[in-house]
N, C-alpha and C. Protein backbone atom coordinates (compact mmCIF):
# COMPACT_ATOMS: atom_id res chain seq x y z
N MET A 1 178.72 202.46 73.37
CA MET A 1 177.72 201.86 72.59
C MET A 1 177.49 200.36 73.38
N PRO A 2 176.14 200.39 73.78
CA PRO A 2 176.17 198.70 74.62
C PRO A 2 176.04 197.62 73.47
N PRO A 3 176.67 196.99 74.72
CA PRO A 3 177.37 195.69 72.66
C PRO A 3 175.64 195.24 71.98
N THR A 4 175.97 194.40 70.78
CA THR A 4 175.32 193.71 69.76
C THR A 4 174.92 192.84 70.79
N PHE A 5 174.57 192.45 70.77
CA PHE A 5 173.17 190.79 70.75
C PHE A 5 172.59 189.46 70.03
N GLY A 6 172.12 188.09 70.21
CA GLY A 6 172.08 187.82 69.05
C GLY A 6 171.40 186.61 69.25
N TRP A 7 170.44 185.96 68.21
CA TRP A 7 169.98 184.89 68.01
C TRP A 7 169.49 183.89 70.02
N LEU A 8 170.61 183.83 70.09
CA LEU A 8 170.96 182.95 71.86
C LEU A 8 170.79 184.18 73.20
N ASP A 9 170.33 185.59 72.82
CA ASP A 9 170.29 186.40 73.54
C ASP A 9 168.79 187.23 73.95
N VAL A 10 168.47 185.94 74.30
CA VAL A 10 166.24 185.36 73.96
C VAL A 10 165.99 186.37 74.81
N ASP A 11 166.05 186.68 76.62
CA ASP A 11 165.93 187.82 77.39
C ASP A 11 165.88 189.02 76.35
N ARG A 12 167.14 189.07 76.19
CA ARG A 12 167.76 190.63 76.00
C ARG A 12 166.90 191.41 74.76
N ILE A 13 166.21 189.87 73.70
CA ILE A 13 165.14 190.19 72.50
C ILE A 13 164.28 190.35 73.11
N ALA A 14 163.90 189.19 74.02
CA ALA A 14 161.67 189.58 74.54
C ALA A 14 162.42 191.36 75.02
N GLU A 15 163.18 191.90 76.17
CA GLU A 15 163.08 193.10 76.94
C GLU A 15 162.80 194.69 75.36
N GLU A 16 164.07 193.83 74.40
CA GLU A 16 163.99 194.80 73.62
C GLU A 16 162.72 195.01 72.42
N LEU A 17 162.12 194.35 72.62
CA LEU A 17 161.08 193.82 71.52
C LEU A 17 159.87 194.47 72.50
N ALA A 18 159.95 194.14 74.04
CA ALA A 18 158.63 194.54 74.65
C ALA A 18 158.29 196.39 74.78
N GLU A 19 160.03 196.62 74.71
CA GLU A 19 160.15 198.55 74.70
C GLU A 19 159.55 198.65 74.00
N ALA A 20 159.80 198.04 72.58
CA ALA A 20 159.54 198.41 71.16
C ALA A 20 158.56 197.81 71.08
N PHE A 21 157.65 197.96 71.14
CA PHE A 21 156.63 197.13 70.94
C PHE A 21 155.91 196.93 72.09
N PRO A 22 155.27 197.68 72.61
CA PRO A 22 154.92 197.89 75.16
C PRO A 22 153.16 197.60 74.30
N ALA A 23 152.68 197.61 73.31
CA ALA A 23 151.25 197.13 72.67
C ALA A 23 150.78 196.31 72.40
N ARG A 24 151.65 195.36 71.66
CA ARG A 24 151.39 194.56 71.19
C ARG A 24 151.47 193.03 71.50
N ASP A 25 150.64 192.58 71.22
CA ASP A 25 150.67 190.81 72.18
C ASP A 25 151.50 190.58 71.29
N PRO A 26 152.04 189.74 72.04
CA PRO A 26 153.00 188.74 71.54
C PRO A 26 152.91 187.28 70.46
N LEU A 27 151.82 186.57 71.07
CA LEU A 27 150.98 186.05 71.23
C LEU A 27 150.58 185.61 70.02
N THR A 28 150.05 187.31 69.53
CA THR A 28 149.36 186.75 67.65
C THR A 28 150.74 187.47 66.53
N VAL A 29 151.90 187.89 67.43
CA VAL A 29 152.91 187.87 66.16
C VAL A 29 153.19 186.14 65.53
N SER A 30 153.21 185.51 64.35
CA SER A 30 154.08 184.58 63.57
C SER A 30 155.51 184.49 63.78
N PHE A 31 156.00 183.36 64.07
CA PHE A 31 157.32 183.26 63.14
C PHE A 31 158.60 183.87 63.00
N PRO A 32 157.88 183.49 60.90
CA PRO A 32 157.96 185.09 60.61
C PRO A 32 157.78 186.54 60.05
N GLU A 33 157.02 186.50 60.71
CA GLU A 33 157.56 188.63 61.33
C GLU A 33 158.07 188.26 62.13
N LEU A 34 158.49 187.58 63.70
CA LEU A 34 159.77 187.58 64.85
C LEU A 34 160.44 187.47 64.68
N ARG A 35 160.70 186.99 63.20
CA ARG A 35 161.24 186.84 62.69
C ARG A 35 162.64 188.16 62.32
N ARG A 36 161.62 188.76 62.46
CA ARG A 36 161.49 190.63 60.94
C ARG A 36 161.58 191.42 61.70
N LEU A 37 161.05 191.35 63.56
CA LEU A 37 161.37 191.95 64.13
C LEU A 37 162.16 191.98 64.61
N VAL A 38 162.89 190.84 65.41
CA VAL A 38 163.82 191.48 66.12
C VAL A 38 165.95 191.41 65.19
N ALA A 39 164.91 190.65 63.23
CA ALA A 39 166.30 191.32 62.56
C ALA A 39 166.68 193.23 62.70
N ALA A 40 164.89 193.57 63.22
CA ALA A 40 165.12 195.04 62.73
C ALA A 40 165.47 195.17 64.12
N LEU A 41 166.08 195.18 64.79
CA LEU A 41 165.93 196.36 66.91
C LEU A 41 167.48 196.30 66.16
N PRO A 42 167.44 197.44 66.61
CA PRO A 42 168.69 198.84 66.20
C PRO A 42 169.87 197.23 67.66
N LEU A 43 170.89 197.74 67.27
CA LEU A 43 171.95 196.80 67.83
C LEU A 43 172.19 194.90 67.35
N PHE A 44 171.22 194.72 66.59
CA PHE A 44 170.85 193.42 67.30
C PHE A 44 171.93 192.87 65.61
N ARG A 45 172.52 191.32 65.74
CA ARG A 45 173.74 191.06 64.75
C ARG A 45 173.59 189.31 64.53
N GLU A 46 172.84 189.23 63.87
CA GLU A 46 173.09 187.41 63.76
C GLU A 46 174.24 187.24 63.64
N GLU A 47 174.63 186.21 64.47
CA GLU A 47 176.09 185.07 64.71
C GLU A 47 175.99 184.73 63.87
N PRO A 48 177.45 184.64 63.16
CA PRO A 48 177.40 183.24 62.43
C PRO A 48 177.27 182.19 62.40
N GLY A 49 176.97 180.62 62.72
CA GLY A 49 176.44 179.75 63.74
C GLY A 49 175.57 178.96 64.33
N HIS A 50 175.11 180.41 64.27
CA HIS A 50 173.49 180.79 65.41
C HIS A 50 171.98 181.04 64.77
N PRO A 51 171.99 180.87 63.21
CA PRO A 51 170.36 181.60 63.27
C PRO A 51 169.29 180.80 63.76
N ALA A 52 168.44 181.64 63.21
CA ALA A 52 166.96 181.48 64.68
C ALA A 52 166.42 180.58 63.90
N ASN A 53 165.91 178.90 64.62
CA ASN A 53 164.86 178.35 64.78
C ASN A 53 164.19 178.71 65.16
N GLU A 54 162.81 176.69 64.98
CA GLU A 54 160.86 177.42 66.01
C GLU A 54 161.94 177.06 67.06
N LYS A 55 162.43 177.11 67.73
CA LYS A 55 162.73 176.53 69.07
C LYS A 55 163.43 178.13 70.25
N ILE A 56 164.02 178.28 69.05
CA ILE A 56 164.48 180.02 69.31
C ILE A 56 163.55 181.05 69.32
N LEU A 57 163.20 180.74 68.46
CA LEU A 57 161.73 182.18 68.35
C LEU A 57 161.11 181.77 69.45
N GLU A 58 159.67 180.19 69.38
CA GLU A 58 159.22 180.23 70.61
C GLU A 58 159.54 180.69 72.11
N THR A 59 161.34 180.56 72.17
CA THR A 59 161.69 180.51 73.07
C THR A 59 161.49 182.40 73.42
N ILE A 60 161.56 183.09 72.62
CA ILE A 60 161.57 184.91 72.48
C ILE A 60 160.44 185.15 72.66
N GLN A 61 159.58 183.76 71.73
CA GLN A 61 158.13 184.52 72.14
C GLN A 61 157.27 185.00 73.32
N MET A 62 157.45 183.76 73.15
CA MET A 62 157.21 183.22 75.29
C MET A 62 157.80 184.56 76.13
N ARG A 63 158.95 184.95 75.94
CA ARG A 63 159.49 185.37 77.16
C ARG A 63 159.27 186.58 76.40
N TRP A 64 159.00 187.16 75.44
CA TRP A 64 158.39 188.50 75.59
C TRP A 64 157.16 188.64 76.11
N HIS A 65 156.46 187.12 75.91
CA HIS A 65 154.59 187.26 76.03
C HIS A 65 154.66 187.75 77.98
N GLU A 66 156.08 187.55 78.51
CA GLU A 66 156.14 186.88 79.76
C GLU A 66 156.28 188.92 80.20
N GLU A 67 156.81 189.46 79.53
CA GLU A 67 157.85 191.01 79.57
C GLU A 67 156.39 191.96 79.19
N PHE A 68 155.55 190.99 78.43
CA PHE A 68 154.05 191.82 78.35
C PHE A 68 153.33 191.85 79.20
N THR A 69 152.48 190.47 80.07
CA THR A 69 152.19 190.13 80.83
C THR A 69 152.55 191.09 82.13
N ASP A 70 154.06 190.95 81.85
CA ASP A 70 154.35 191.64 83.74
C ASP A 70 154.37 193.48 83.85
N ALA A 71 154.08 194.22 82.06
CA ALA A 71 154.15 195.07 82.06
C ALA A 71 152.50 195.57 82.89
N PRO A 72 153.14 196.88 83.70
CA PRO A 72 152.55 197.80 84.38
C PRO A 72 151.58 198.84 82.30
N ARG A 73 150.36 198.64 83.18
CA ARG A 73 149.25 199.47 82.06
C ARG A 73 148.45 200.22 82.79
N ASP A 74 148.35 201.58 81.53
CA ASP A 74 147.79 202.16 81.49
C ASP A 74 145.92 201.89 81.82
N GLU A 75 145.72 201.97 83.03
CA GLU A 75 143.81 201.50 83.16
C GLU A 75 143.04 202.87 82.65
N GLU A 76 142.19 202.78 82.21
CA GLU A 76 141.30 203.49 81.96
C GLU A 76 140.07 203.46 83.20
N ASP A 77 138.77 204.03 83.90
CA ASP A 77 138.28 203.49 84.26
C ASP A 77 136.42 204.41 84.00
């Protein structure tokens, strides 16, 4: 079983979100919704003493956006 991850694992969270929501533009997600999406990821575990804050959520959103913009898209001609 893959190891769990928490709020400080921002790169892993961004990758998981990009995989779970490939068509979702991260910049349209509010921080409360982002918090819920992350908490619902399989293997996510909130660690005592490491709660989410605005800086962490912003970092996750930006990393997810990088994953989103780097992902190949199916283009219709």
